[in-house]
Amino acid sequence: MPYLWQGALSIVSQTLLVMGATMSPSLNSILCTLVPRREMIDQIINDVILEIERYSVLSPSLSLSAEIIKEAEVRRRTILSA
């Protein structure tokens, strides 16, 4: 169980880094060479959010991580749509 918990927190931190990269023009251009369509990145982020939400029942820190990543995604989409 500790490995699952650590892995989930690692996934959250890495996803937050990718989310930040999508908001930076220079980093986004690098990211787009790996994943050519923005919809694919959005879907990957949504899949991660769903997975972390499933793990959130395991511990309060994972529950908080799920809330943080969901809120970050709402803000990211708001900023990108502006």
N, C-alpha and C. Protein backbone atom coordinates (compact mmCIF):
# COMPACT_ATOMS: atom_id res chain seq x y z
N MET A 1 0.81 -1.20 0.00
CA MET A 1 0.00 0.00 0.00
C MET A 1 0.86 1.27 0.00
N PRO A 2 1.98 1.32 0.74
CA PRO A 2 2.78 2.55 0.70
C PRO A 2 3.28 2.87 -0.71
N TYR A 3 3.57 1.84 -1.50
CA TYR A 3 4.04 2.09 -2.86
C TYR A 3 2.94 2.68 -3.73
N LEU A 4 1.72 2.23 -3.54
CA LEU A 4 0.58 2.78 -4.27
C LEU A 4 0.40 4.24 -3.90
N TRP A 5 0.50 4.54 -2.62
CA TRP A 5 0.34 5.91 -2.12
C TRP A 5 1.43 6.81 -2.70
N GLN A 6 2.67 6.36 -2.64
CA GLN A 6 3.78 7.15 -3.18
C GLN A 6 3.65 7.31 -4.70
N GLY A 7 3.25 6.25 -5.37
CA GLY A 7 3.07 6.31 -6.82
C GLY A 7 1.98 7.30 -7.21
N ALA A 8 0.89 7.29 -6.47
CA ALA A 8 -0.22 8.21 -6.76
C ALA A 8 0.22 9.66 -6.57
N LEU A 9 0.96 9.92 -5.50
CA LEU A 9 1.44 11.29 -5.28
C LEU A 9 2.43 11.71 -6.36
N SER A 10 3.23 10.78 -6.82
CA SER A 10 4.17 11.06 -7.91
C SER A 10 3.41 11.38 -9.20
N ILE A 11 2.36 10.62 -9.47
CA ILE A 11 1.54 10.86 -10.66
C ILE A 11 0.92 12.26 -10.60
N VAL A 12 0.45 12.64 -9.41
CA VAL A 12 -0.15 13.97 -9.25
C VAL A 12 0.88 15.05 -9.54
N SER A 13 2.06 14.93 -8.95
CA SER A 13 3.07 15.98 -9.16
C SER A 13 3.50 16.05 -10.62
N GLN A 14 3.65 14.92 -11.27
CA GLN A 14 4.04 14.93 -12.68
C GLN A 14 2.93 15.51 -13.57
N THR A 15 1.70 15.22 -13.23
CA THR A 15 0.58 15.77 -13.99
C THR A 15 0.50 17.28 -13.83
N LEU A 16 0.76 17.76 -12.62
CA LEU A 16 0.77 19.21 -12.41
C LEU A 16 1.87 19.87 -13.24
N LEU A 17 3.01 19.20 -13.38
CA LEU A 17 4.08 19.74 -14.22
C LEU A 17 3.64 19.80 -15.69
N VAL A 18 2.98 18.75 -16.17
CA VAL A 18 2.49 18.75 -17.55
C VAL A 18 1.44 19.84 -17.73
N MET A 19 0.57 20.01 -16.75
CA MET A 19 -0.45 21.05 -16.83
C MET A 19 0.21 22.42 -16.95
N GLY A 20 1.24 22.65 -16.17
CA GLY A 20 1.97 23.92 -16.25
C GLY A 20 2.64 24.09 -17.60
N ALA A 21 3.18 23.00 -18.13
CA ALA A 21 3.84 23.07 -19.44
C ALA A 21 2.86 23.44 -20.54
N THR A 22 1.62 23.01 -20.43
CA THR A 22 0.63 23.34 -21.47
C THR A 22 0.29 24.83 -21.46
N MET A 23 0.58 25.51 -20.38
CA MET A 23 0.26 26.93 -20.27
C MET A 23 1.42 27.83 -20.68
N SER A 24 2.58 27.27 -20.92
CA SER A 24 3.75 28.02 -21.35
C SER A 24 3.95 27.79 -22.85
N PRO A 25 3.95 28.86 -23.65
CA PRO A 25 4.08 28.68 -25.10
C PRO A 25 5.32 27.87 -25.50
N SER A 26 6.46 28.16 -24.91
CA SER A 26 7.67 27.45 -25.31
C SER A 26 7.65 25.99 -24.86
N LEU A 27 7.19 25.73 -23.65
CA LEU A 27 7.11 24.35 -23.18
C LEU A 27 6.01 23.58 -23.89
N ASN A 28 4.92 24.26 -24.21
CA ASN A 28 3.83 23.61 -24.92
C ASN A 28 4.27 23.16 -26.31
N SER A 29 5.12 23.94 -26.95
CA SER A 29 5.59 23.54 -28.28
C SER A 29 6.42 22.26 -28.20
N ILE A 30 7.19 22.11 -27.13
CA ILE A 30 7.95 20.88 -26.93
C ILE A 30 7.00 19.73 -26.65
N LEU A 31 6.02 19.98 -25.81
CA LEU A 31 5.04 18.95 -25.45
C LEU A 31 4.26 18.49 -26.68
N CYS A 32 3.96 19.43 -27.57
CA CYS A 32 3.18 19.10 -28.77
C CYS A 32 3.96 18.23 -29.75
N THR A 33 5.27 18.18 -29.63
CA THR A 33 6.03 17.26 -30.48
C THR A 33 5.82 15.82 -30.01
N LEU A 34 5.50 15.65 -28.73
CA LEU A 34 5.25 14.32 -28.18
C LEU A 34 3.79 13.91 -28.32
N VAL A 35 2.90 14.85 -28.07
CA VAL A 35 1.46 14.60 -28.15
C VAL A 35 0.88 15.68 -29.08
N PRO A 36 0.62 15.34 -30.33
CA PRO A 36 0.30 16.36 -31.33
C PRO A 36 -1.03 17.09 -31.15
N ARG A 37 -1.99 16.48 -30.49
CA ARG A 37 -3.30 17.14 -30.36
C ARG A 37 -3.57 17.51 -28.91
N ARG A 38 -4.04 18.74 -28.72
CA ARG A 38 -4.34 19.22 -27.37
C ARG A 38 -5.42 18.37 -26.69
N GLU A 39 -6.36 17.86 -27.48
CA GLU A 39 -7.42 17.03 -26.91
C GLU A 39 -6.85 15.78 -26.26
N MET A 40 -5.77 15.27 -26.82
CA MET A 40 -5.15 14.08 -26.24
C MET A 40 -4.55 14.39 -24.86
N ILE A 41 -3.92 15.55 -24.74
CA ILE A 41 -3.36 15.96 -23.45
C ILE A 41 -4.48 16.16 -22.45
N ASP A 42 -5.55 16.82 -22.88
CA ASP A 42 -6.70 17.03 -22.00
C ASP A 42 -7.28 15.70 -21.51
N GLN A 43 -7.37 14.73 -22.41
CA GLN A 43 -7.90 13.41 -22.04
C GLN A 43 -6.98 12.69 -21.07
N ILE A 44 -5.69 12.78 -21.28
CA ILE A 44 -4.73 12.16 -20.36
C ILE A 44 -4.88 12.77 -18.97
N ILE A 45 -4.98 14.09 -18.91
CA ILE A 45 -5.14 14.76 -17.61
C ILE A 45 -6.44 14.32 -16.95
N ASN A 46 -7.53 14.25 -17.71
CA ASN A 46 -8.81 13.80 -17.15
C ASN A 46 -8.73 12.37 -16.64
N ASP A 47 -8.03 11.51 -17.38
CA ASP A 47 -7.86 10.13 -16.93
C ASP A 47 -7.08 10.05 -15.62
N VAL A 48 -6.06 10.88 -15.50
CA VAL A 48 -5.28 10.91 -14.25
C VAL A 48 -6.16 11.37 -13.09
N ILE A 49 -6.97 12.39 -13.33
CA ILE A 49 -7.86 12.89 -12.27
C ILE A 49 -8.81 11.79 -11.82
N LEU A 50 -9.39 11.06 -12.75
CA LEU A 50 -10.30 9.96 -12.39
C LEU A 50 -9.58 8.87 -11.58
N GLU A 51 -8.35 8.56 -11.99
CA GLU A 51 -7.58 7.53 -11.29
C GLU A 51 -7.24 7.97 -9.86
N ILE A 52 -6.83 9.21 -9.70
CA ILE A 52 -6.50 9.72 -8.36
C ILE A 52 -7.76 9.80 -7.50
N GLU A 53 -8.88 10.13 -8.09
CA GLU A 53 -10.14 10.14 -7.33
C GLU A 53 -10.46 8.74 -6.81
N ARG A 54 -10.15 7.71 -7.58
CA ARG A 54 -10.38 6.33 -7.11
C ARG A 54 -9.49 6.00 -5.93
N TYR A 55 -8.26 6.52 -5.95
CA TYR A 55 -7.33 6.26 -4.85
C TYR A 55 -7.62 7.13 -3.63
N SER A 56 -8.41 8.17 -3.79
CA SER A 56 -8.59 9.15 -2.71
C SER A 56 -9.20 8.56 -1.44
N VAL A 57 -9.86 7.43 -1.55
CA VAL A 57 -10.45 6.82 -0.35
C VAL A 57 -9.38 6.16 0.53
N LEU A 58 -8.17 6.00 0.00
CA LEU A 58 -7.12 5.31 0.75
C LEU A 58 -6.48 6.16 1.83
N SER A 59 -6.43 7.47 1.63
CA SER A 59 -5.81 8.32 2.64
C SER A 59 -6.25 9.77 2.46
N PRO A 60 -6.20 10.55 3.54
CA PRO A 60 -6.56 11.97 3.44
C PRO A 60 -5.65 12.75 2.48
N SER A 61 -4.36 12.38 2.42
CA SER A 61 -3.46 13.11 1.53
C SER A 61 -3.80 12.85 0.07
N LEU A 62 -4.24 11.65 -0.25
CA LEU A 62 -4.65 11.37 -1.63
C LEU A 62 -5.97 12.07 -1.95
N SER A 63 -6.83 12.18 -0.97
CA SER A 63 -8.07 12.92 -1.17
C SER A 63 -7.78 14.39 -1.44
N LEU A 64 -6.87 14.95 -0.67
CA LEU A 64 -6.46 16.34 -0.88
C LEU A 64 -5.79 16.51 -2.24
N SER A 65 -4.96 15.55 -2.61
CA SER A 65 -4.30 15.60 -3.92
C SER A 65 -5.32 15.58 -5.05
N ALA A 66 -6.36 14.79 -4.90
CA ALA A 66 -7.42 14.73 -5.91
C ALA A 66 -8.10 16.09 -6.04
N GLU A 67 -8.36 16.73 -4.92
CA GLU A 67 -8.99 18.06 -4.95
C GLU A 67 -8.06 19.08 -5.59
N ILE A 68 -6.78 19.03 -5.25
CA ILE A 68 -5.81 19.98 -5.81
C ILE A 68 -5.73 19.84 -7.32
N ILE A 69 -5.63 18.61 -7.79
CA ILE A 69 -5.46 18.41 -9.23
C ILE A 69 -6.74 18.77 -9.99
N LYS A 70 -7.91 18.52 -9.40
CA LYS A 70 -9.17 18.91 -10.05
C LYS A 70 -9.26 20.43 -10.15
N GLU A 71 -8.92 21.11 -9.07
CA GLU A 71 -8.98 22.57 -9.07
C GLU A 71 -7.96 23.15 -10.05
N ALA A 72 -6.78 22.56 -10.10
CA ALA A 72 -5.76 23.02 -11.04
C ALA A 72 -6.23 22.87 -12.48
N GLU A 73 -6.92 21.79 -12.76
CA GLU A 73 -7.42 21.57 -14.13
C GLU A 73 -8.49 22.59 -14.50
N VAL A 74 -9.36 22.92 -13.56
CA VAL A 74 -10.38 23.94 -13.83
C VAL A 74 -9.70 25.28 -14.14
N ARG A 75 -8.71 25.62 -13.34
CA ARG A 75 -8.00 26.89 -13.57
C ARG A 75 -7.23 26.86 -14.89
N ARG A 76 -6.59 25.74 -15.19
CA ARG A 76 -5.83 25.62 -16.44
C ARG A 76 -6.74 25.83 -17.65
N ARG A 77 -7.89 25.19 -17.62
CA ARG A 77 -8.83 25.33 -18.75
C ARG A 77 -9.36 26.75 -18.86
N THR A 78 -9.59 27.39 -17.71
CA THR A 78 -10.05 28.77 -17.72
C THR A 78 -9.01 29.69 -18.34
N ILE A 79 -7.77 29.51 -17.93
CA ILE A 79 -6.69 30.34 -18.46
C ILE A 79 -6.48 30.10 -19.95
N LEU A 80 -6.51 28.84 -20.37
CA LEU A 80 -6.28 28.53 -21.78
C LEU A 80 -7.42 28.98 -22.67
N SER A 81 -8.63 29.07 -22.12
CA SER A 81 -9.76 29.49 -22.95
C SER A 81 -9.88 31.01 -23.04
N ALA A 82 -9.15 31.72 -22.20
CA ALA A 82 -9.22 33.19 -22.21
C ALA A 82 -8.48 33.80 -23.37
